[in-house]
């Protein structure tokens, strides 16, 4: 489902919207499992009972939040417009170059991370620096000429991992993994419980 399809469905439900976001991610070469693998690597040292299905469920729970969905839609759309050479200059060139001082991508991603507090922020910083798994593949895919064929024709010819510009997506995936990891940390049954002192 593309932007036009979502526009035509103003009453779209939460589950359908989440499914649409997953398809947008898959179109850019990212699956829920890709993100869940990163979540598992972050949280397994603190929870040896954690499973891949647990991590996938946490990723989907974060994806179900409407503010997360809107953030992902915005970032992916900008990447795709840059792929097709449709952004105004100098923004088009900035996106193609993945300009190091262009921090708008990280700023947008922080909107996802902030949902789960400082644990998520710390994990985001780590993932942004280390770029494990699919994050590194996205970051390494940038470069080359943007795809100016446009529309469904470009998607059909290029397959699932469409596009060379992932200025926003690598940070958004880092944020999604960090938020899903923080969500698991908050729910860890082995976390130490502290009670408030009784007032005398």
C-alpha atoms as a PDB file:
ATOM      1  CA  UNK A   1       0.000   0.000   0.000  1.00  0.00           C
ATOM      2  CA  UNK A   2       1.514   3.330  -1.073  1.00  0.00           C
ATOM      3  CA  UNK A   3       0.896   6.899   0.013  1.00  0.00           C
ATOM      4  CA  UNK A   4      -2.034   7.320  -2.385  1.00  0.00           C
ATOM      5  CA  UNK A   5      -3.732   4.194  -1.039  1.00  0.00           C
ATOM      6  CA  UNK A   6      -3.425   5.422   2.539  1.00  0.00           C
ATOM      7  CA  UNK A   7      -4.780   8.840   1.496  1.00  0.00           C
ATOM      8  CA  UNK A   8      -7.840   7.161   0.000  1.00  0.00           C
ATOM      9  CA  UNK A   9      -8.599   5.382   3.291  1.00  0.00           C
ATOM     10  CA  UNK A  10      -9.126   8.105   5.933  1.00  0.00           C
ATOM     11  CA  UNK A  11     -10.788   5.626   8.289  1.00  0.00           C
ATOM     12  CA  UNK A  12      -7.986   3.086   8.089  1.00  0.00           C
ATOM     13  CA  UNK A  13      -7.786   0.978  11.239  1.00  0.00           C
ATOM     14  CA  UNK A  14      -4.780   0.454  13.493  1.00  0.00           C
ATOM     15  CA  UNK A  15      -4.078  -3.113  12.355  1.00  0.00           C
ATOM     16  CA  UNK A  16      -4.347  -2.225   8.661  1.00  0.00           C
ATOM     17  CA  UNK A  17      -2.083   0.766   9.168  1.00  0.00           C
ATOM     18  CA  UNK A  18       0.519  -1.423  10.900  1.00  0.00           C
ATOM     19  CA  UNK A  19       0.383  -3.893   8.011  1.00  0.00           C
ATOM     20  CA  UNK A  20       0.813  -1.033   5.540  1.00  0.00           C
ATOM     21  CA  UNK A  21       3.896   0.207   7.410  1.00  0.00           C
ATOM     22  CA  UNK A  22       5.402  -3.290   7.359  1.00  0.00           C
ATOM     23  CA  UNK A  23       4.919  -3.359   3.596  1.00  0.00           C
ATOM     24  CA  UNK A  24       6.576   0.042   3.218  1.00  0.00           C
ATOM     25  CA  UNK A  25       9.564  -1.273   5.199  1.00  0.00           C
ATOM     26  CA  UNK A  26       9.712  -4.473   3.152  1.00  0.00           C
ATOM     27  CA  UNK A  27       9.644  -2.445  -0.052  1.00  0.00           C
ATOM     28  CA  UNK A  28      12.829  -0.779   1.164  1.00  0.00           C
ATOM     29  CA  UNK A  29      14.421  -4.109   2.113  1.00  0.00           C
ATOM     30  CA  UNK A  30      13.624  -4.259   5.844  1.00  0.00           C
ATOM     31  CA  UNK A  31      11.535  -6.951   7.553  1.00  0.00           C
ATOM     32  CA  UNK A  32      10.216  -7.189  11.097  1.00  0.00           C
ATOM     33  CA  UNK A  33      12.577 -10.141  11.609  1.00  0.00           C
ATOM     34  CA  UNK A  34      15.574  -8.022  10.572  1.00  0.00           C
ATOM     35  CA  UNK A  35      14.715  -5.536  13.311  1.00  0.00           C
ATOM     36  CA  UNK A  36      13.902  -8.297  15.816  1.00  0.00           C
ATOM     37  CA  UNK A  37      17.366  -9.821  15.321  1.00  0.00           C
ATOM     38  CA  UNK A  38      18.907  -6.558  16.487  1.00  0.00           C
ATOM     39  CA  UNK A  39      16.515  -6.396  19.438  1.00  0.00           C
ATOM     40  CA  UNK A  40      17.484  -9.936  20.453  1.00  0.00           C
ATOM     41  CA  UNK A  41      21.193  -9.077  20.324  1.00  0.00           C
ATOM     42  CA  UNK A  42      20.590  -6.067  22.579  1.00  0.00           C
ATOM     43  CA  UNK A  43      18.421  -7.762  25.203  1.00  0.00           C
ATOM     44  CA  UNK A  44      19.556 -11.407  25.286  1.00  0.00           C
ATOM     45  CA  UNK A  45      22.489 -10.672  27.638  1.00  0.00           C
ATOM     46  CA  UNK A  46      19.969  -9.431  30.222  1.00  0.00           C
ATOM     47  CA  UNK A  47      17.209 -11.971  29.605  1.00  0.00           C
ATOM     48  CA  UNK A  48      18.285 -15.492  28.632  1.00  0.00           C
ATOM     49  CA  UNK A  49      14.664 -16.590  28.186  1.00  0.00           C
ATOM     50  CA  UNK A  50      14.050 -14.065  25.437  1.00  0.00           C
ATOM     51  CA  UNK A  51      13.081 -15.555  22.065  1.00  0.00           C
ATOM     52  CA  UNK A  52      12.873 -14.278  18.513  1.00  0.00           C
ATOM     53  CA  UNK A  53       9.041 -14.346  18.587  1.00  0.00           C
ATOM     54  CA  UNK A  54       9.189 -12.165  21.728  1.00  0.00           C
ATOM     55  CA  UNK A  55      11.321  -9.644  19.858  1.00  0.00           C
ATOM     56  CA  UNK A  56       9.109  -9.697  16.767  1.00  0.00           C
ATOM     57  CA  UNK A  57       6.059  -9.077  18.967  1.00  0.00           C
ATOM     58  CA  UNK A  58       7.800  -6.109  20.575  1.00  0.00           C
ATOM     59  CA  UNK A  59       8.741  -4.627  17.189  1.00  0.00           C
ATOM     60  CA  UNK A  60       5.125  -4.914  16.031  1.00  0.00           C
ATOM     61  CA  UNK A  61       3.895  -3.338  19.281  1.00  0.00           C
ATOM     62  CA  UNK A  62       6.069  -0.301  18.600  1.00  0.00           C
ATOM     63  CA  UNK A  63       4.932  -0.237  14.965  1.00  0.00           C
ATOM     64  CA  UNK A  64       1.313  -0.145  16.172  1.00  0.00           C
ATOM     65  CA  UNK A  65       1.816   3.307  17.729  1.00  0.00           C
ATOM     66  CA  UNK A  66       0.424   5.961  15.431  1.00  0.00           C
ATOM     67  CA  UNK A  67       3.195   8.510  16.082  1.00  0.00           C
ATOM     68  CA  UNK A  68       5.758   5.848  15.114  1.00  0.00           C
ATOM     69  CA  UNK A  69       3.821   5.082  11.936  1.00  0.00           C
ATOM     70  CA  UNK A  70       3.700   8.739  10.905  1.00  0.00           C
ATOM     71  CA  UNK A  71       7.434   9.123  11.553  1.00  0.00           C
ATOM     72  CA  UNK A  72       8.257   6.083   9.419  1.00  0.00           C
ATOM     73  CA  UNK A  73       5.958   7.219   6.616  1.00  0.00           C
ATOM     74  CA  UNK A  74       7.628  10.627   6.537  1.00  0.00           C
ATOM     75  CA  UNK A  75      11.202   9.332   6.497  1.00  0.00           C
ATOM     76  CA  UNK A  76      10.606   6.583   3.946  1.00  0.00           C
ATOM     77  CA  UNK A  77       8.743   8.970   1.657  1.00  0.00           C
ATOM     78  CA  UNK A  78      11.651  11.440   1.716  1.00  0.00           C
ATOM     79  CA  UNK A  79      14.136   8.650   0.909  1.00  0.00           C
ATOM     80  CA  UNK A  80      11.986   7.499  -1.996  1.00  0.00           C
ATOM     81  CA  UNK A  81      11.586  11.019  -3.370  1.00  0.00           C
ATOM     82  CA  UNK A  82      15.375  11.426  -3.222  1.00  0.00           C
ATOM     83  CA  UNK A  83      15.778   8.097  -5.049  1.00  0.00           C
ATOM     84  CA  UNK A  84      13.691   9.495  -7.883  1.00  0.00           C
ATOM     85  CA  UNK A  85      15.385  12.886  -7.950  1.00  0.00           C
ATOM     86  CA  UNK A  86      12.192  14.688  -6.998  1.00  0.00           C
ATOM     87  CA  UNK A  87      13.381  16.831  -4.080  1.00  0.00           C
ATOM     88  CA  UNK A  88      14.193  20.522  -4.578  1.00  0.00           C
ATOM     89  CA  UNK A  89      17.824  21.580  -4.548  1.00  0.00           C
ATOM     90  CA  UNK A  90      19.928  21.764  -2.501  1.00  0.00           C
ATOM     91  CA  UNK A  91      18.037  19.134  -0.482  1.00  0.00           C
ATOM     92  CA  UNK A  92      18.278  16.597  -3.319  1.00  0.00           C
ATOM     93  CA  UNK A  93      22.072  16.815  -3.387  1.00  0.00           C
ATOM     94  CA  UNK A  94      22.308  16.782   0.407  1.00  0.00           C
ATOM     95  CA  UNK A  95      20.302  13.553   0.491  1.00  0.00           C
ATOM     96  CA  UNK A  96      22.323  11.943  -2.310  1.00  0.00           C
ATOM     97  CA  UNK A  97      25.575  12.838  -0.543  1.00  0.00           C
ATOM     98  CA  UNK A  98      24.230  11.763   2.881  1.00  0.00           C
ATOM     99  CA  UNK A  99      25.774  14.978   4.161  1.00  0.00           C
ATOM    100  CA  UNK A 100      27.363  14.418   7.574  1.00  0.00           C
ATOM    101  CA  UNK A 101      26.030  17.670   9.065  1.00  0.00           C
ATOM    102  CA  UNK A 102      22.466  16.913   7.969  1.00  0.00           C
ATOM    103  CA  UNK A 103      21.071  15.779  11.307  1.00  0.00           C
ATOM    104  CA  UNK A 104      17.381  15.872  10.438  1.00  0.00           C
ATOM    105  CA  UNK A 105      17.341  12.081  10.024  1.00  0.00           C
ATOM    106  CA  UNK A 106      18.500  11.524  13.605  1.00  0.00           C
ATOM    107  CA  UNK A 107      16.141  14.217  14.857  1.00  0.00           C
ATOM    108  CA  UNK A 108      13.161  12.495  13.237  1.00  0.00           C
ATOM    109  CA  UNK A 109      14.235   9.092  14.566  1.00  0.00           C
ATOM    110  CA  UNK A 110      14.391  10.413  18.133  1.00  0.00           C
ATOM    111  CA  UNK A 111      10.612  10.792  17.993  1.00  0.00           C
ATOM    112  CA  UNK A 112      10.400   6.983  17.966  1.00  0.00           C
ATOM    113  CA  UNK A 113      13.064   6.463  20.628  1.00  0.00           C
ATOM    114  CA  UNK A 114      11.487   8.901  23.083  1.00  0.00           C
ATOM    115  CA  UNK A 115       8.425   6.670  23.465  1.00  0.00           C
ATOM    116  CA  UNK A 116      10.398   4.385  25.824  1.00  0.00           C
ATOM    117  CA  UNK A 117      12.678   6.775  27.688  1.00  0.00           C
ATOM    118  CA  UNK A 118      16.411   6.904  28.318  1.00  0.00           C
ATOM    119  CA  UNK A 119      17.048   3.180  27.821  1.00  0.00           C
ATOM    120  CA  UNK A 120      15.872   3.564  24.250  1.00  0.00           C
ATOM    121  CA  UNK A 121      18.007   6.670  23.740  1.00  0.00           C
ATOM    122  CA  UNK A 122      21.139   4.877  24.953  1.00  0.00           C
ATOM    123  CA  UNK A 123      20.470   1.909  22.676  1.00  0.00           C
ATOM    124  CA  UNK A 124      19.825   4.229  19.727  1.00  0.00           C
ATOM    125  CA  UNK A 125      23.208   5.888  20.186  1.00  0.00           C
ATOM    126  CA  UNK A 126      24.898   2.485  20.281  1.00  0.00           C
ATOM    127  CA  UNK A 127      23.102   1.233  17.156  1.00  0.00           C
ATOM    128  CA  UNK A 128      23.771   4.477  15.286  1.00  0.00           C
ATOM    129  CA  UNK A 129      27.496   4.025  15.925  1.00  0.00           C
ATOM    130  CA  UNK A 130      27.856   0.240  15.471  1.00  0.00           C
ATOM    131  CA  UNK A 131      25.251  -0.256  12.683  1.00  0.00           C
ATOM    132  CA  UNK A 132      24.663  -4.001  13.152  1.00  0.00           C
ATOM    133  CA  UNK A 133      22.697  -6.196  10.749  1.00  0.00           C
ATOM    134  CA  UNK A 134      20.249  -4.527   8.396  1.00  0.00           C
ATOM    135  CA  UNK A 135      21.252  -1.047   9.656  1.00  0.00           C
ATOM    136  CA  UNK A 136      24.740  -1.521   8.240  1.00  0.00           C
ATOM    137  CA  UNK A 137      23.358  -2.853   4.965  1.00  0.00           C
ATOM    138  CA  UNK A 138      21.133   0.194   4.591  1.00  0.00           C
ATOM    139  CA  UNK A 139      23.938   2.579   5.481  1.00  0.00           C
ATOM    140  CA  UNK A 140      26.279   0.902   3.002  1.00  0.00           C
ATOM    141  CA  UNK A 141      23.697   0.972   0.210  1.00  0.00           C
ATOM    142  CA  UNK A 142      23.767   4.772  -0.096  1.00  0.00           C
ATOM    143  CA  UNK A 143      25.508   6.289  -3.059  1.00  0.00           C
ATOM    144  CA  UNK A 144      25.261   6.243  -6.812  1.00  0.00           C
ATOM    145  CA  UNK A 145      22.747   7.931  -9.032  1.00  0.00           C
ATOM    146  CA  UNK A 146      19.154   8.152  -7.770  1.00  0.00           C
ATOM    147  CA  UNK A 147      16.489   6.119  -9.555  1.00  0.00           C
ATOM    148  CA  UNK A 148      14.571   8.618 -11.693  1.00  0.00           C
ATOM    149  CA  UNK A 149      12.342   6.061 -13.411  1.00  0.00           C
ATOM    150  CA  UNK A 150       9.789   6.647 -10.669  1.00  0.00           C
ATOM    151  CA  UNK A 151       6.599   4.938  -9.588  1.00  0.00           C
ATOM    152  CA  UNK A 152       5.654   1.287  -9.683  1.00  0.00           C
ATOM    153  CA  UNK A 153       7.840   0.633 -12.721  1.00  0.00           C
ATOM    154  CA  UNK A 154      10.977   1.258 -10.672  1.00  0.00           C
ATOM    155  CA  UNK A 155       9.664  -0.903  -7.828  1.00  0.00           C
ATOM    156  CA  UNK A 156       8.828  -3.792 -10.137  1.00  0.00           C
ATOM    157  CA  UNK A 157      12.231  -3.779 -11.834  1.00  0.00           C
ATOM    158  CA  UNK A 158      14.308  -3.357  -8.706  1.00  0.00           C
ATOM    159  CA  UNK A 159      12.697  -5.923  -6.389  1.00  0.00           C
ATOM    160  CA  UNK A 160      12.177  -5.675  -2.637  1.00  0.00           C
ATOM    161  CA  UNK A 161      15.214  -3.596  -1.618  1.00  0.00           C
ATOM    162  CA  UNK A 162      14.363  -0.613  -3.815  1.00  0.00           C
ATOM    163  CA  UNK A 163      16.526   2.473  -3.788  1.00  0.00           C
ATOM    164  CA  UNK A 164      19.994   3.694  -3.024  1.00  0.00           C
ATOM    165  CA  UNK A 165      19.095   6.531  -0.665  1.00  0.00           C
ATOM    166  CA  UNK A 166      18.443   5.442   2.915  1.00  0.00           C
ATOM    167  CA  UNK A 167      19.367   8.662   4.714  1.00  0.00           C
ATOM    168  CA  UNK A 168      16.319   8.411   6.964  1.00  0.00           C
ATOM    169  CA  UNK A 169      15.648   4.683   6.989  1.00  0.00           C
ATOM    170  CA  UNK A 170      18.856   3.502   8.642  1.00  0.00           C
ATOM    171  CA  UNK A 171      18.209   5.854  11.570  1.00  0.00           C
ATOM    172  CA  UNK A 172      14.520   4.965  11.699  1.00  0.00           C
ATOM    173  CA  UNK A 173      15.335   1.257  11.859  1.00  0.00           C
ATOM    174  CA  UNK A 174      17.877   1.962  14.620  1.00  0.00           C
ATOM    175  CA  UNK A 175      15.182   3.858  16.512  1.00  0.00           C
ATOM    176  CA  UNK A 176      12.612   1.120  15.975  1.00  0.00           C
ATOM    177  CA  UNK A 177      15.011  -1.542  17.283  1.00  0.00           C
ATOM    178  CA  UNK A 178      16.018   0.641  20.239  1.00  0.00           C
ATOM    179  CA  UNK A 179      12.398   1.312  21.192  1.00  0.00           C
ATOM    180  CA  UNK A 180      11.410  -2.366  20.894  1.00  0.00           C
ATOM    181  CA  UNK A 181      14.453  -3.299  23.005  1.00  0.00           C
ATOM    182  CA  UNK A 182      13.600  -0.710  25.664  1.00  0.00           C
ATOM    183  CA  UNK A 183      10.021  -1.992  25.748  1.00  0.00           C
ATOM    184  CA  UNK A 184      11.317  -5.489  26.531  1.00  0.00           C
ATOM    185  CA  UNK A 185      13.674  -4.127  29.189  1.00  0.00           C
ATOM    186  CA  UNK A 186      10.785  -2.364  30.912  1.00  0.00           C
ATOM    187  CA  UNK A 187       8.800  -5.613  30.946  1.00  0.00           C
ATOM    188  CA  UNK A 188      11.631  -7.932  32.023  1.00  0.00           C
ATOM    189  CA  UNK A 189      10.198 -10.116  34.822  1.00  0.00           C
ATOM    190  CA  UNK A 190      13.701 -10.593  36.271  1.00  0.00           C
ATOM    191  CA  UNK A 191      14.191  -6.874  36.836  1.00  0.00           C
ATOM    192  CA  UNK A 192      14.659  -6.040  40.496  1.00  0.00           C
ATOM    193  CA  UNK A 193      11.552  -4.639  42.183  1.00  0.00           C
ATOM    194  CA  UNK A 194      11.828  -1.716  44.577  1.00  0.00           C
ATOM    195  CA  UNK A 195       9.089  -0.791  47.014  1.00  0.00           C
ATOM    196  CA  UNK A 196       8.386   2.654  48.387  1.00  0.00           C
ATOM    197  CA  UNK A 197       9.066   3.102  52.114  1.00  0.00           C
ATOM    198  CA  UNK A 198       5.999   3.112  54.319  1.00  0.00           C
ATOM    199  CA  UNK A 199       5.139   6.443  55.838  1.00  0.00           C
ATOM    200  CA  UNK A 200       5.197   6.323  59.629  1.00  0.00           C
END
